[in-house]
Amino acid sequence: MGSEWWPFVVIAVAGWLATDIWRWLGVLAGNRLDEDSEALHWVRAVATALVMAVTAKLIVFPTGTLAEAPLWLRLGAAGIGFAAFLLAGQRIGVAVVTSTVLLGLGLYWLGF
């Protein structure tokens, strides 16, 4: 009975060690960083660029059900969501909800 669980224990421990070490190092390094430092501005810029690259990939080259949606619907939902983001005082939740609702309504209207 115990032999069936050991791979899961190894995966859990290895996964925890692989990620937890970096979290603790991030906490230690983060306490020493100045919020206005060039390094932190660079990290924020890279993180933002990565998020936007993934978002653009999902919009332009989607997989699964989203791939069945026309490009104009995906781009329109993202564009209107961005406009809602700006109009709402740069609230991310407003953009996410607006884009998701528009995409869902568009897919429903198109019969998907």
PDB file of N, CA and C in Angstrom:
ATOM      1  N   MET A   1       0.825  -1.189   0.000  1.00  0.00           N
ATOM      2  CA  MET A   1       0.000   0.000   0.000  1.00  0.00           C
ATOM      3  C   MET A   1       0.871   1.256   0.000  1.00  0.00           C
ATOM      4  N   GLY A   2       1.947   1.243   0.770  1.00  0.00           N
ATOM      5  CA  GLY A   2       2.810   2.406   0.845  1.00  0.00           C
ATOM      6  C   GLY A   2       3.599   2.660  -0.425  1.00  0.00           C
ATOM      7  N   SER A   3       3.811   1.624  -1.211  1.00  0.00           N
ATOM      8  CA  SER A   3       4.602   1.786  -2.433  1.00  0.00           C
ATOM      9  C   SER A   3       3.862   2.577  -3.500  1.00  0.00           C
ATOM     10  N   GLU A   4       2.541   2.659  -3.408  1.00  0.00           N
ATOM     11  CA  GLU A   4       1.778   3.425  -4.393  1.00  0.00           C
ATOM     12  C   GLU A   4       1.875   4.923  -4.168  1.00  0.00           C
ATOM     13  N   TRP A   5       2.169   5.331  -2.948  1.00  0.00           N
ATOM     14  CA  TRP A   5       2.146   6.759  -2.609  1.00  0.00           C
ATOM     15  C   TRP A   5       3.506   7.427  -2.699  1.00  0.00           C
ATOM     16  N   TRP A   6       4.602   6.668  -2.719  1.00  0.00           N
ATOM     17  CA  TRP A   6       5.913   7.302  -2.656  1.00  0.00           C
ATOM     18  C   TRP A   6       6.191   8.229  -3.822  1.00  0.00           C
ATOM     19  N   PRO A   7       5.755   7.944  -5.069  1.00  0.00           N
ATOM     20  CA  PRO A   7       6.025   8.911  -6.141  1.00  0.00           C
ATOM     21  C   PRO A   7       5.351  10.261  -5.883  1.00  0.00           C
ATOM     22  N   PHE A   8       4.158  10.224  -5.301  1.00  0.00           N
ATOM     23  CA  PHE A   8       3.459  11.477  -5.018  1.00  0.00           C
ATOM     24  C   PHE A   8       4.150  12.262  -3.907  1.00  0.00           C
ATOM     25  N   VAL A   9       4.665  11.556  -2.931  1.00  0.00           N
ATOM     26  CA  VAL A   9       5.408  12.217  -1.849  1.00  0.00           C
ATOM     27  C   VAL A   9       6.680  12.850  -2.400  1.00  0.00           C
ATOM     28  N   VAL A  10       7.385  12.131  -3.244  1.00  0.00           N
ATOM     29  CA  VAL A  10       8.618  12.666  -3.844  1.00  0.00           C
ATOM     30  C   VAL A  10       8.306  13.895  -4.682  1.00  0.00           C
ATOM     31  N   ILE A  11       7.244  13.832  -5.487  1.00  0.00           N
ATOM     32  CA  ILE A  11       6.864  14.975  -6.322  1.00  0.00           C
ATOM     33  C   ILE A  11       6.493  16.173  -5.458  1.00  0.00           C
ATOM     34  N   ALA A  12       5.723  15.937  -4.391  1.00  0.00           N
ATOM     35  CA  ALA A  12       5.299  17.034  -3.516  1.00  0.00           C
ATOM     36  C   ALA A  12       6.495  17.670  -2.816  1.00  0.00           C
ATOM     37  N   VAL A  13       7.380  16.849  -2.281  1.00  0.00           N
ATOM     38  CA  VAL A  13       8.546  17.387  -1.574  1.00  0.00           C
ATOM     39  C   VAL A  13       9.480  18.103  -2.542  1.00  0.00           C
ATOM     40  N   ALA A  14       9.742  17.503  -3.691  1.00  0.00           N
ATOM     41  CA  ALA A  14      10.623  18.136  -4.677  1.00  0.00           C
ATOM     42  C   ALA A  14      10.014  19.440  -5.182  1.00  0.00           C
ATOM     43  N   GLY A  15       8.719  19.440  -5.435  1.00  0.00           N
ATOM     44  CA  GLY A  15       8.056  20.672  -5.869  1.00  0.00           C
ATOM     45  C   GLY A  15       8.093  21.749  -4.808  1.00  0.00           C
ATOM     46  N   TRP A  16       7.898  21.353  -3.566  1.00  0.00           N
ATOM     47  CA  TRP A  16       7.937  22.314  -2.478  1.00  0.00           C
ATOM     48  C   TRP A  16       9.340  22.891  -2.328  1.00  0.00           C
ATOM     49  N   LEU A  17      10.340  22.038  -2.351  1.00  0.00           N
ATOM     50  CA  LEU A  17      11.712  22.521  -2.210  1.00  0.00           C
ATOM     51  C   LEU A  17      12.116  23.426  -3.369  1.00  0.00           C
ATOM     52  N   ALA A  18      11.717  23.046  -4.581  1.00  0.00           N
ATOM     53  CA  ALA A  18      12.114  23.823  -5.759  1.00  0.00           C
ATOM     54  C   ALA A  18      11.515  25.219  -5.740  1.00  0.00           C
ATOM     55  N   THR A  19      10.302  25.347  -5.232  1.00  0.00           N
ATOM     56  CA  THR A  19       9.656  26.670  -5.256  1.00  0.00           C
ATOM     57  C   THR A  19       9.841  27.432  -3.956  1.00  0.00           C
ATOM     58  N   ASP A  20       9.855  26.730  -2.837  1.00  0.00           N
ATOM     59  CA  ASP A  20       9.909  27.421  -1.555  1.00  0.00           C
ATOM     60  C   ASP A  20      11.243  28.117  -1.331  1.00  0.00           C
ATOM     61  N   ILE A  21      12.308  27.531  -1.800  1.00  0.00           N
ATOM     62  CA  ILE A  21      13.626  28.161  -1.655  1.00  0.00           C
ATOM     63  C   ILE A  21      13.634  29.530  -2.343  1.00  0.00           C
ATOM     64  N   TRP A  22      13.069  29.603  -3.547  1.00  0.00           N
ATOM     65  CA  TRP A  22      13.049  30.862  -4.289  1.00  0.00           C
ATOM     66  C   TRP A  22      12.140  31.875  -3.621  1.00  0.00           C
ATOM     67  N   ARG A  23      11.066  31.412  -3.015  1.00  0.00           N
ATOM     68  CA  ARG A  23      10.180  32.339  -2.287  1.00  0.00           C
ATOM     69  C   ARG A  23      10.910  32.971  -1.113  1.00  0.00           C
ATOM     70  N   TRP A  24      11.628  32.148  -0.341  1.00  0.00           N
ATOM     71  CA  TRP A  24      12.357  32.681   0.803  1.00  0.00           C
ATOM     72  C   TRP A  24      13.481  33.610   0.362  1.00  0.00           C
ATOM     73  N   LEU A  25      14.176  33.239  -0.706  1.00  0.00           N
ATOM     74  CA  LEU A  25      15.214  34.136  -1.217  1.00  0.00           C
ATOM     75  C   LEU A  25      14.603  35.450  -1.715  1.00  0.00           C
ATOM     76  N   GLY A  26      13.416  35.375  -2.314  1.00  0.00           N
ATOM     77  CA  GLY A  26      12.723  36.587  -2.741  1.00  0.00           C
ATOM     78  C   GLY A  26      12.342  37.469  -1.570  1.00  0.00           C
ATOM     79  N   VAL A  27      11.903  36.856  -0.484  1.00  0.00           N
ATOM     80  CA  VAL A  27      11.560  37.632   0.718  1.00  0.00           C
ATOM     81  C   VAL A  27      12.799  38.305   1.279  1.00  0.00           C
ATOM     82  N   LEU A  28      13.889  37.563   1.362  1.00  0.00           N
ATOM     83  CA  LEU A  28      15.128  38.139   1.894  1.00  0.00           C
ATOM     84  C   LEU A  28      15.649  39.265   1.007  1.00  0.00           C
ATOM     85  N   ALA A  29      15.640  39.054  -0.293  1.00  0.00           N
ATOM     86  CA  ALA A  29      16.127  40.087  -1.211  1.00  0.00           C
ATOM     87  C   ALA A  29      15.155  41.256  -1.269  1.00  0.00           C
ATOM     88  N   GLY A  30      13.860  40.968  -1.193  1.00  0.00           N
ATOM     89  CA  GLY A  30      12.855  42.026  -1.273  1.00  0.00           C
ATOM     90  C   GLY A  30      12.907  42.988  -0.111  1.00  0.00           C
ATOM     91  N   ASN A  31      13.308  42.505   1.050  1.00  0.00           N
ATOM     92  CA  ASN A  31      13.415  43.384   2.213  1.00  0.00           C
ATOM     93  C   ASN A  31      14.542  44.393   2.060  1.00  0.00           C
ATOM     94  N   ARG A  32      15.505  44.084   1.210  1.00  0.00           N
ATOM     95  CA  ARG A  32      16.660  44.963   1.042  1.00  0.00           C
ATOM     96  C   ARG A  32      16.523  45.897  -0.163  1.00  0.00           C
ATOM     97  N   LEU A  33      15.481  45.705  -0.977  1.00  0.00           N
ATOM     98  CA  LEU A  33      15.308  46.523  -2.179  1.00  0.00           C
ATOM     99  C   LEU A  33      14.608  47.835  -1.875  1.00  0.00           C
ATOM    100  N   ASP A  34      15.081  48.871  -2.504  1.00  0.00           N
ATOM    101  CA  ASP A  34      14.409  50.160  -2.441  1.00  0.00           C
ATOM    102  C   ASP A  34      13.308  50.169  -3.501  1.00  0.00           C
ATOM    103  N   GLU A  35      12.093  50.567  -3.129  1.00  0.00           N
ATOM    104  CA  GLU A  35      10.967  50.520  -4.058  1.00  0.00           C
ATOM    105  C   GLU A  35      11.165  51.408  -5.281  1.00  0.00           C
ATOM    106  N   ASP A  36      12.009  52.408  -5.185  1.00  0.00           N
ATOM    107  CA  ASP A  36      12.270  53.302  -6.307  1.00  0.00           C
ATOM    108  C   ASP A  36      13.569  52.975  -7.031  1.00  0.00           C
ATOM    109  N   SER A  37      14.135  51.809  -6.762  1.00  0.00           N
ATOM    110  CA  SER A  37      15.408  51.454  -7.391  1.00  0.00           C
ATOM    111  C   SER A  37      15.207  51.065  -8.851  1.00  0.00           C
ATOM    112  N   GLU A  38      16.256  51.210  -9.631  1.00  0.00           N
ATOM    113  CA  GLU A  38      16.226  50.840 -11.042  1.00  0.00           C
ATOM    114  C   GLU A  38      15.986  49.343 -11.208  1.00  0.00           C
ATOM    115  N   ALA A  39      16.554  48.548 -10.305  1.00  0.00           N
ATOM    116  CA  ALA A  39      16.383  47.098 -10.399  1.00  0.00           C
ATOM    117  C   ALA A  39      14.916  46.710 -10.272  1.00  0.00           C
ATOM    118  N   LEU A  40      14.223  47.310  -9.342  1.00  0.00           N
ATOM    119  CA  LEU A  40      12.814  46.989  -9.150  1.00  0.00           C
ATOM    120  C   LEU A  40      11.965  47.507 -10.303  1.00  0.00           C
ATOM    121  N   HIS A  41      12.296  48.645 -10.852  1.00  0.00           N
ATOM    122  CA  HIS A  41      11.589  49.146 -12.038  1.00  0.00           C
ATOM    123  C   HIS A  41      11.776  48.188 -13.213  1.00  0.00           C
ATOM    124  N   TRP A  42      12.982  47.651 -13.351  1.00  0.00           N
ATOM    125  CA  TRP A  42      13.253  46.695 -14.421  1.00  0.00           C
ATOM    126  C   TRP A  42      12.461  45.406 -14.224  1.00  0.00           C
ATOM    127  N   VAL A  43      12.423  44.908 -12.986  1.00  0.00           N
ATOM    128  CA  VAL A  43      11.681  43.685 -12.686  1.00  0.00           C
ATOM    129  C   VAL A  43      10.198  43.885 -12.992  1.00  0.00           C
ATOM    130  N   ARG A  44       9.644  45.014 -12.600  1.00  0.00           N
ATOM    131  CA  ARG A  44       8.234  45.296 -12.882  1.00  0.00           C
ATOM    132  C   ARG A  44       7.981  45.377 -14.389  1.00  0.00           C
ATOM    133  N   ALA A  45       8.889  45.994 -15.113  1.00  0.00           N
ATOM    134  CA  ALA A  45       8.733  46.104 -16.568  1.00  0.00           C
ATOM    135  C   ALA A  45       8.780  44.731 -17.233  1.00  0.00           C
ATOM    136  N   VAL A  46       9.700  43.884 -16.802  1.00  0.00           N
ATOM    137  CA  VAL A  46       9.808  42.541 -17.370  1.00  0.00           C
ATOM    138  C   VAL A  46       8.571  41.721 -17.021  1.00  0.00           C
ATOM    139  N   ALA A  47       8.106  41.806 -15.786  1.00  0.00           N
ATOM    140  CA  ALA A  47       6.913  41.062 -15.382  1.00  0.00           C
ATOM    141  C   ALA A  47       5.693  41.514 -16.180  1.00  0.00           C
ATOM    142  N   THR A  48       5.551  42.812 -16.371  1.00  0.00           N
ATOM    143  CA  THR A  48       4.433  43.336 -17.154  1.00  0.00           C
ATOM    144  C   THR A  48       4.527  42.879 -18.605  1.00  0.00           C
ATOM    145  N   ALA A  49       5.723  42.901 -19.161  1.00  0.00           N
ATOM    146  CA  ALA A  49       5.913  42.464 -20.546  1.00  0.00           C
ATOM    147  C   ALA A  49       5.574  40.989 -20.704  1.00  0.00           C
ATOM    148  N   LEU A  50       5.947  40.164 -19.733  1.00  0.00           N
ATOM    149  CA  LEU A  50       5.633  38.736 -19.808  1.00  0.00           C
ATOM    150  C   LEU A  50       4.128  38.488 -19.738  1.00  0.00           C
ATOM    151  N   VAL A  51       3.454  39.187 -18.837  1.00  0.00           N
ATOM    152  CA  VAL A  51       1.997  39.033 -18.726  1.00  0.00           C
ATOM    153  C   VAL A  51       1.325  39.465 -20.022  1.00  0.00           C
ATOM    154  N   MET A  52       1.761  40.571 -20.586  1.00  0.00           N
ATOM    155  CA  MET A  52       1.143  41.050 -21.829  1.00  0.00           C
ATOM    156  C   MET A  52       1.464  40.125 -23.005  1.00  0.00           C
ATOM    157  N   ALA A  53       2.637  39.525 -23.013  1.00  0.00           N
ATOM    158  CA  ALA A  53       2.972  38.582 -24.086  1.00  0.00           C
ATOM    159  C   ALA A  53       2.080  37.350 -24.017  1.00  0.00           C
ATOM    160  N   VAL A  54       1.842  36.847 -22.823  1.00  0.00           N
ATOM    161  CA  VAL A  54       0.954  35.694 -22.672  1.00  0.00           C
ATOM    162  C   VAL A  54      -0.469  36.073 -23.069  1.00  0.00           C
ATOM    163  N   THR A  55      -0.915  37.258 -22.658  1.00  0.00           N
ATOM    164  CA  THR A  55      -2.259  37.713 -23.021  1.00  0.00           C
ATOM    165  C   THR A  55      -2.394  37.849 -24.535  1.00  0.00           C
ATOM    166  N   ALA A  56      -1.413  38.452 -25.176  1.00  0.00           N
ATOM    167  CA  ALA A  56      -1.454  38.607 -26.630  1.00  0.00           C
ATOM    168  C   ALA A  56      -1.458  37.250 -27.328  1.00  0.00           C
ATOM    169  N   LYS A  57      -0.686  36.311 -26.812  1.00  0.00           N
ATOM    170  CA  LYS A  57      -0.665  34.968 -27.401  1.00  0.00           C
ATOM    171  C   LYS A  57      -2.039  34.307 -27.273  1.00  0.00           C
ATOM    172  N   LEU A  58      -2.685  34.483 -26.130  1.00  0.00           N
ATOM    173  CA  LEU A  58      -4.019  33.907 -25.945  1.00  0.00           C
ATOM    174  C   LEU A  58      -5.046  34.539 -26.876  1.00  0.00           C
ATOM    175  N   ILE A  59      -4.883  35.814 -27.168  1.00  0.00           N
ATOM    176  CA  ILE A  59      -5.837  36.496 -28.043  1.00  0.00           C
ATOM    177  C   ILE A  59      -5.591  36.137 -29.505  1.00  0.00           C
ATOM    178  N   VAL A  60      -4.344  36.176 -29.939  1.00  0.00           N
ATOM    179  CA  VAL A  60      -4.027  35.992 -31.353  1.00  0.00           C
ATOM    180  C   VAL A  60      -3.901  34.517 -31.735  1.00  0.00           C
ATOM    181  N   PHE A  61      -3.329  33.702 -30.876  1.00  0.00           N
ATOM    182  CA  PHE A  61      -3.123  32.272 -31.160  1.00  0.00           C
ATOM    183  C   PHE A  61      -3.734  31.410 -30.052  1.00  0.00           C
ATOM    184  N   PRO A  62      -5.056  31.442 -29.890  1.00  0.00           N
ATOM    185  CA  PRO A  62      -5.667  30.700 -28.784  1.00  0.00           C
ATOM    186  C   PRO A  62      -5.745  29.201 -29.066  1.00  0.00           C
ATOM    187  N   THR A  63      -6.024  28.451 -28.025  1.00  0.00           N
ATOM    188  CA  THR A  63      -6.249  27.014 -28.154  1.00  0.00           C
ATOM    189  C   THR A  63      -7.598  26.678 -27.549  1.00  0.00           C
ATOM    190  N   GLY A  64      -8.073  25.491 -27.800  1.00  0.00           N
ATOM    191  CA  GLY A  64      -9.328  25.047 -27.215  1.00  0.00           C
ATOM    192  C   GLY A  64     -10.528  25.779 -27.775  1.00  0.00           C
ATOM    193  N   THR A  65     -11.524  25.989 -26.924  1.00  0.00           N
ATOM    194  CA  THR A  65     -12.769  26.635 -27.332  1.00  0.00           C
ATOM    195  C   THR A  65     -12.529  28.061 -27.807  1.00  0.00           C
ATOM    196  N   LEU A  66     -11.596  28.739 -27.185  1.00  0.00           N
ATOM    197  CA  LEU A  66     -11.315  30.119 -27.576  1.00  0.00           C
ATOM    198  C   LEU A  66     -10.840  30.218 -29.019  1.00  0.00           C
ATOM    199  N   ALA A  67     -10.226  29.172 -29.531  1.00  0.00           N
ATOM    200  CA  ALA A  67      -9.757  29.182 -30.917  1.00  0.00           C
ATOM    201  C   ALA A  67     -10.917  29.223 -31.906  1.00  0.00           C
ATOM    202  N   GLU A  68     -12.093  28.773 -31.471  1.00  0.00           N
ATOM    203  CA  GLU A  68     -13.267  28.805 -32.338  1.00  0.00           C
ATOM    204  C   GLU A  68     -13.868  30.206 -32.444  1.00  0.00           C
ATOM    205  N   ALA A  69     -13.582  31.060 -31.484  1.00  0.00           N
ATOM    206  CA  ALA A  69     -14.099  32.427 -31.513  1.00  0.00           C
ATOM    207  C   ALA A  69     -13.372  33.214 -32.594  1.00  0.00           C
ATOM    208  N   PRO A  70     -14.090  34.055 -33.325  1.00  0.00           N
ATOM    209  CA  PRO A  70     -13.424  34.849 -34.363  1.00  0.00           C
ATOM    210  C   PRO A  70     -12.449  35.859 -33.755  1.00  0.00           C
ATOM    211  N   LEU A  71     -11.430  36.180 -34.531  1.00  0.00           N
ATOM    212  CA  LEU A  71     -10.406  37.108 -34.057  1.00  0.00           C
ATOM    213  C   LEU A  71     -11.005  38.466 -33.717  1.00  0.00           C
ATOM    214  N   TRP A  72     -11.967  38.936 -34.511  1.00  0.00           N
ATOM    215  CA  TRP A  72     -12.557  40.247 -34.240  1.00  0.00           C
ATOM    216  C   TRP A  72     -13.239  40.274 -32.879  1.00  0.00           C
ATOM    217  N   LEU A  73     -13.824  39.160 -32.455  1.00  0.00           N
ATOM    218  CA  LEU A  73     -14.483  39.099 -31.143  1.00  0.00           C
ATOM    219  C   LEU A  73     -13.457  39.135 -30.022  1.00  0.00           C
ATOM    220  N   ARG A  74     -12.384  38.375 -30.180  1.00  0.00           N
ATOM    221  CA  ARG A  74     -11.331  38.357 -29.152  1.00  0.00           C
ATOM    222  C   ARG A  74     -10.664  39.716 -29.029  1.00  0.00           C
ATOM    223  N   LEU A  75     -10.344  40.340 -30.176  1.00  0.00           N
ATOM    224  CA  LEU A  75      -9.710  41.665 -30.148  1.00  0.00           C
ATOM    225  C   LEU A  75     -10.668  42.727 -29.617  1.00  0.00           C
ATOM    226  N   GLY A  76     -11.931  42.635 -30.027  1.00  0.00           N
ATOM    227  CA  GLY A  76     -12.925  43.608 -29.560  1.00  0.00           C
ATOM    228  C   GLY A  76     -13.139  43.530 -28.057  1.00  0.00           C
ATOM    229  N   ALA A  77     -13.270  42.314 -27.532  1.00  0.00           N
ATOM    230  CA  ALA A  77     -13.454  42.148 -26.090  1.00  0.00           C
ATOM    231  C   ALA A  77     -12.246  42.685 -25.322  1.00  0.00           C
ATOM    232  N   ALA A  78     -11.049  42.408 -25.829  1.00  0.00           N
ATOM    233  CA  ALA A  78      -9.838  42.908 -25.165  1.00  0.00           C
ATOM    234  C   ALA A  78      -9.755  44.426 -25.250  1.00  0.00           C
ATOM    235  N   GLY A  79     -10.077  44.986 -26.403  1.00  0.00           N
ATOM    236  CA  GLY A  79     -10.018  46.448 -26.567  1.00  0.00           C
ATOM    237  C   GLY A  79     -11.030  47.171 -25.705  1.00  0.00           C
ATOM    238  N   ILE A  80     -12.265  46.678 -25.680  1.00  0.00           N
ATOM    239  CA  ILE A  80     -13.287  47.311 -24.848  1.00  0.00           C
ATOM    240  C   ILE A  80     -12.963  47.116 -23.372  1.00  0.00           C
ATOM    241  N   GLY A  81     -12.414  45.962 -23.025  1.00  0.00           N
ATOM    242  CA  GLY A  81     -11.969  45.747 -21.642  1.00  0.00           C
ATOM    243  C   GLY A  81     -10.883  46.721 -21.239  1.00  0.00           C
ATOM    244  N   PHE A  82      -9.963  47.002 -22.164  1.00  0.00           N
ATOM    245  CA  PHE A  82      -8.907  47.978 -21.871  1.00  0.00           C
ATOM    246  C   PHE A  82      -9.487  49.374 -21.709  1.00  0.00           C
ATOM    247  N   ALA A  83     -10.455  49.730 -22.560  1.00  0.00           N
ATOM    248  CA  ALA A  83     -11.117  51.035 -22.421  1.00  0.00           C
ATOM    249  C   ALA A  83     -11.837  51.131 -21.082  1.00  0.00           C
ATOM    250  N   ALA A  84     -12.498  50.047 -20.671  1.00  0.00           N
ATOM    251  CA  ALA A  84     -13.168  50.036 -19.365  1.00  0.00           C
ATOM    252  C   ALA A  84     -12.153  50.173 -18.237  1.00  0.00           C
ATOM    253  N   PHE A  85     -10.998  49.556 -18.399  1.00  0.00           N
ATOM    254  CA  PHE A  85      -9.910  49.676 -17.427  1.00  0.00           C
ATOM    255  C   PHE A  85      -9.506  51.132 -17.248  1.00  0.00           C
ATOM    256  N   LEU A  86      -9.334  51.840 -18.358  1.00  0.00           N
ATOM    257  CA  LEU A  86      -8.930  53.245 -18.286  1.00  0.00           C
ATOM    258  C   LEU A  86     -10.044  54.117 -17.720  1.00  0.00           C
ATOM    259  N   LEU A  87     -11.277  53.877 -18.141  1.00  0.00           N
ATOM    260  CA  LEU A  87     -12.408  54.685 -17.671  1.00  0.00           C
ATOM    261  C   LEU A  87     -12.712  54.464 -16.197  1.00  0.00           C
ATOM    262  N   ALA A  88     -12.409  53.287 -15.682  1.00  0.00           N
ATOM    263  CA  ALA A  88     -12.695  52.962 -14.280  1.00  0.00           C
ATOM    264  C   ALA A  88     -11.543  53.334 -13.349  1.00  0.00           C
ATOM    265  N   GLY A  89     -10.610  54.104 -13.828  1.00  0.00           N
ATOM    266  CA  GLY A  89      -9.493  54.507 -12.973  1.00  0.00           C
ATOM    267  C   GLY A  89      -8.446  53.426 -12.822  1.00  0.00           C
ATOM    268  N   GLN A  90      -8.207  52.675 -13.873  1.00  0.00           N
ATOM    269  CA  GLN A  90      -7.186  51.632 -13.938  1.00  0.00           C
ATOM    270  C   GLN A  90      -7.419  50.518 -12.913  1.00  0.00           C
ATOM    271  N   ARG A  91      -8.657  50.048 -12.876  1.00  0.00           N
ATOM    272  CA  ARG A  91      -9.009  48.911 -12.020  1.00  0.00           C
ATOM    273  C   ARG A  91      -8.989  47.645 -12.873  1.00  0.00           C
ATOM    274  N   ILE A  92      -8.108  46.731 -12.527  1.00  0.00           N
ATOM    275  CA  ILE A  92      -7.918  45.524 -13.314  1.00  0.00           C
ATOM    276  C   ILE A  92      -9.167  44.651 -13.309  1.00  0.00           C
ATOM    277  N   GLY A  93      -9.827  44.571 -12.181  1.00  0.00           N
ATOM    278  CA  GLY A  93     -11.030  43.748 -12.089  1.00  0.00           C
ATOM    279  C   GLY A  93     -12.098  44.158 -13.079  1.00  0.00           C
ATOM    280  N   VAL A  94     -12.253  45.464 -13.284  1.00  0.00           N
ATOM    281  CA  VAL A  94     -13.241  45.969 -14.244  1.00  0.00           C
ATOM    282  C   VAL A  94     -12.887  45.491 -15.647  1.00  0.00           C
ATOM    283  N   ALA A  95     -11.623  45.551 -15.996  1.00  0.00           N
ATOM    284  CA  ALA A  95     -11.188  45.114 -17.326  1.00  0.00           C
ATOM    285  C   ALA A  95     -11.418  43.618 -17.523  1.00  0.00           C
ATOM    286  N   VAL A  96     -11.088  42.829 -16.525  1.00  0.00           N
ATOM    287  CA  VAL A  96     -11.242  41.377 -16.634  1.00  0.00           C
ATOM    288  C   VAL A  96     -12.715  41.001 -16.763  1.00  0.00           C
ATOM    289  N   VAL A  97     -13.557  41.588 -15.912  1.00  0.00           N
ATOM    290  CA  VAL A  97     -14.985  41.270 -15.956  1.00  0.00           C
ATOM    291  C   VAL A  97     -15.597  41.737 -17.277  1.00  0.00           C
ATOM    292  N   THR A  98     -15.276  42.951 -17.707  1.00  0.00           N
ATOM    293  CA  THR A  98     -15.824  43.478 -18.954  1.00  0.00           C
ATOM    294  C   THR A  98     -15.432  42.607 -20.139  1.00  0.00           C
ATOM    295  N   SER A  99     -14.159  42.282 -20.255  1.00  0.00           N
ATOM    296  CA  SER A  99     -13.693  41.460 -21.373  1.00  0.00           C
ATOM    297  C   SER A  99     -14.312  40.070 -21.346  1.00  0.00           C
ATOM    298  N   THR A 100     -14.378  39.481 -20.178  1.00  0.00           N
ATOM    299  CA  THR A 100     -14.934  38.139 -20.059  1.00  0.00           C
ATOM    300  C   THR A 100     -16.415  38.108 -20.406  1.00  0.00           C
ATOM    301  N   VAL A 101     -17.164  39.084 -19.895  1.00  0.00           N
ATOM    302  CA  VAL A 101     -18.596  39.144 -20.185  1.00  0.00           C
ATOM    303  C   VAL A 101     -18.828  39.373 -21.679  1.00  0.00           C
ATOM    304  N   LEU A 102     -18.093  40.302 -22.273  1.00  0.00           N
ATOM    305  CA  LEU A 102     -18.254  40.554 -23.708  1.00  0.00           C
ATOM    306  C   LEU A 102     -17.892  39.331 -24.547  1.00  0.00           C
ATOM    307  N   LEU A 103     -16.830  38.657 -24.192  1.00  0.00           N
ATOM    308  CA  LEU A 103     -16.443  37.457 -24.925  1.00  0.00           C
ATOM    309  C   LEU A 103     -17.501  36.368 -24.765  1.00  0.00           C
ATOM    310  N   GLY A 104     -17.984  36.189 -23.546  1.00  0.00           N
ATOM    311  CA  GLY A 104     -19.025  35.194 -23.311  1.00  0.00           C
ATOM    312  C   GLY A 104     -20.306  35.504 -24.054  1.00  0.00           C
ATOM    313  N   LEU A 105     -20.719  36.770 -24.025  1.00  0.00           N
ATOM    314  CA  LEU A 105     -21.934  37.167 -24.760  1.00  0.00           C
ATOM    315  C   LEU A 105     -21.746  37.005 -26.262  1.00  0.00           C
ATOM    316  N   GLY A 106     -20.560  37.353 -26.738  1.00  0.00           N
ATOM    317  CA  GLY A 106     -20.280  37.197 -28.166  1.00  0.00           C
ATOM    318  C   GLY A 106     -20.304  35.742 -28.595  1.00  0.00           C
ATOM    319  N   LEU A 107     -19.724  34.880 -27.793  1.00  0.00           N
ATOM    320  CA  LEU A 107     -19.744  33.458 -28.109  1.00  0.00           C
ATOM    321  C   LEU A 107     -21.162  32.906 -28.066  1.00  0.00           C
ATOM    322  N   TYR A 108     -21.942  33.351 -27.090  1.00  0.00           N
ATOM    323  CA  TYR A 108     -23.342  32.923 -27.000  1.00  0.00           C
ATOM    324  C   TYR A 108     -24.136  33.400 -28.218  1.00  0.00           C
ATOM    325  N   TRP A 109     -23.931  34.662 -28.584  1.00  0.00           N
ATOM    326  CA  TRP A 109     -24.636  35.249 -29.731  1.00  0.00           C
ATOM    327  C   TRP A 109     -24.290  34.529 -31.040  1.00  0.00           C
ATOM    328  N   LEU A 110     -23.025  34.109 -31.157  1.00  0.00           N
ATOM    329  CA  LEU A 110     -22.566  33.397 -32.349  1.00  0.00           C
ATOM    330  C   LEU A 110     -22.945  31.913 -32.325  1.00  0.00           C
ATOM    331  N   GLY A 111     -23.457  31.442 -31.210  1.00  0.00           N
ATOM    332  CA  GLY A 111     -23.908  30.056 -31.120  1.00  0.00           C
ATOM    333  C   GLY A 111     -22.856  29.052 -30.711  1.00  0.00           C
ATOM    334  N   PHE A 112     -21.838  29.493 -29.997  1.00  0.00           N
ATOM    335  CA  PHE A 112     -20.795  28.561 -29.558  1.00  0.00           C
ATOM    336  C   PHE A 112     -21.153  27.960 -28.224  1.00  0.00           C
TER     337      PHE A 112
END
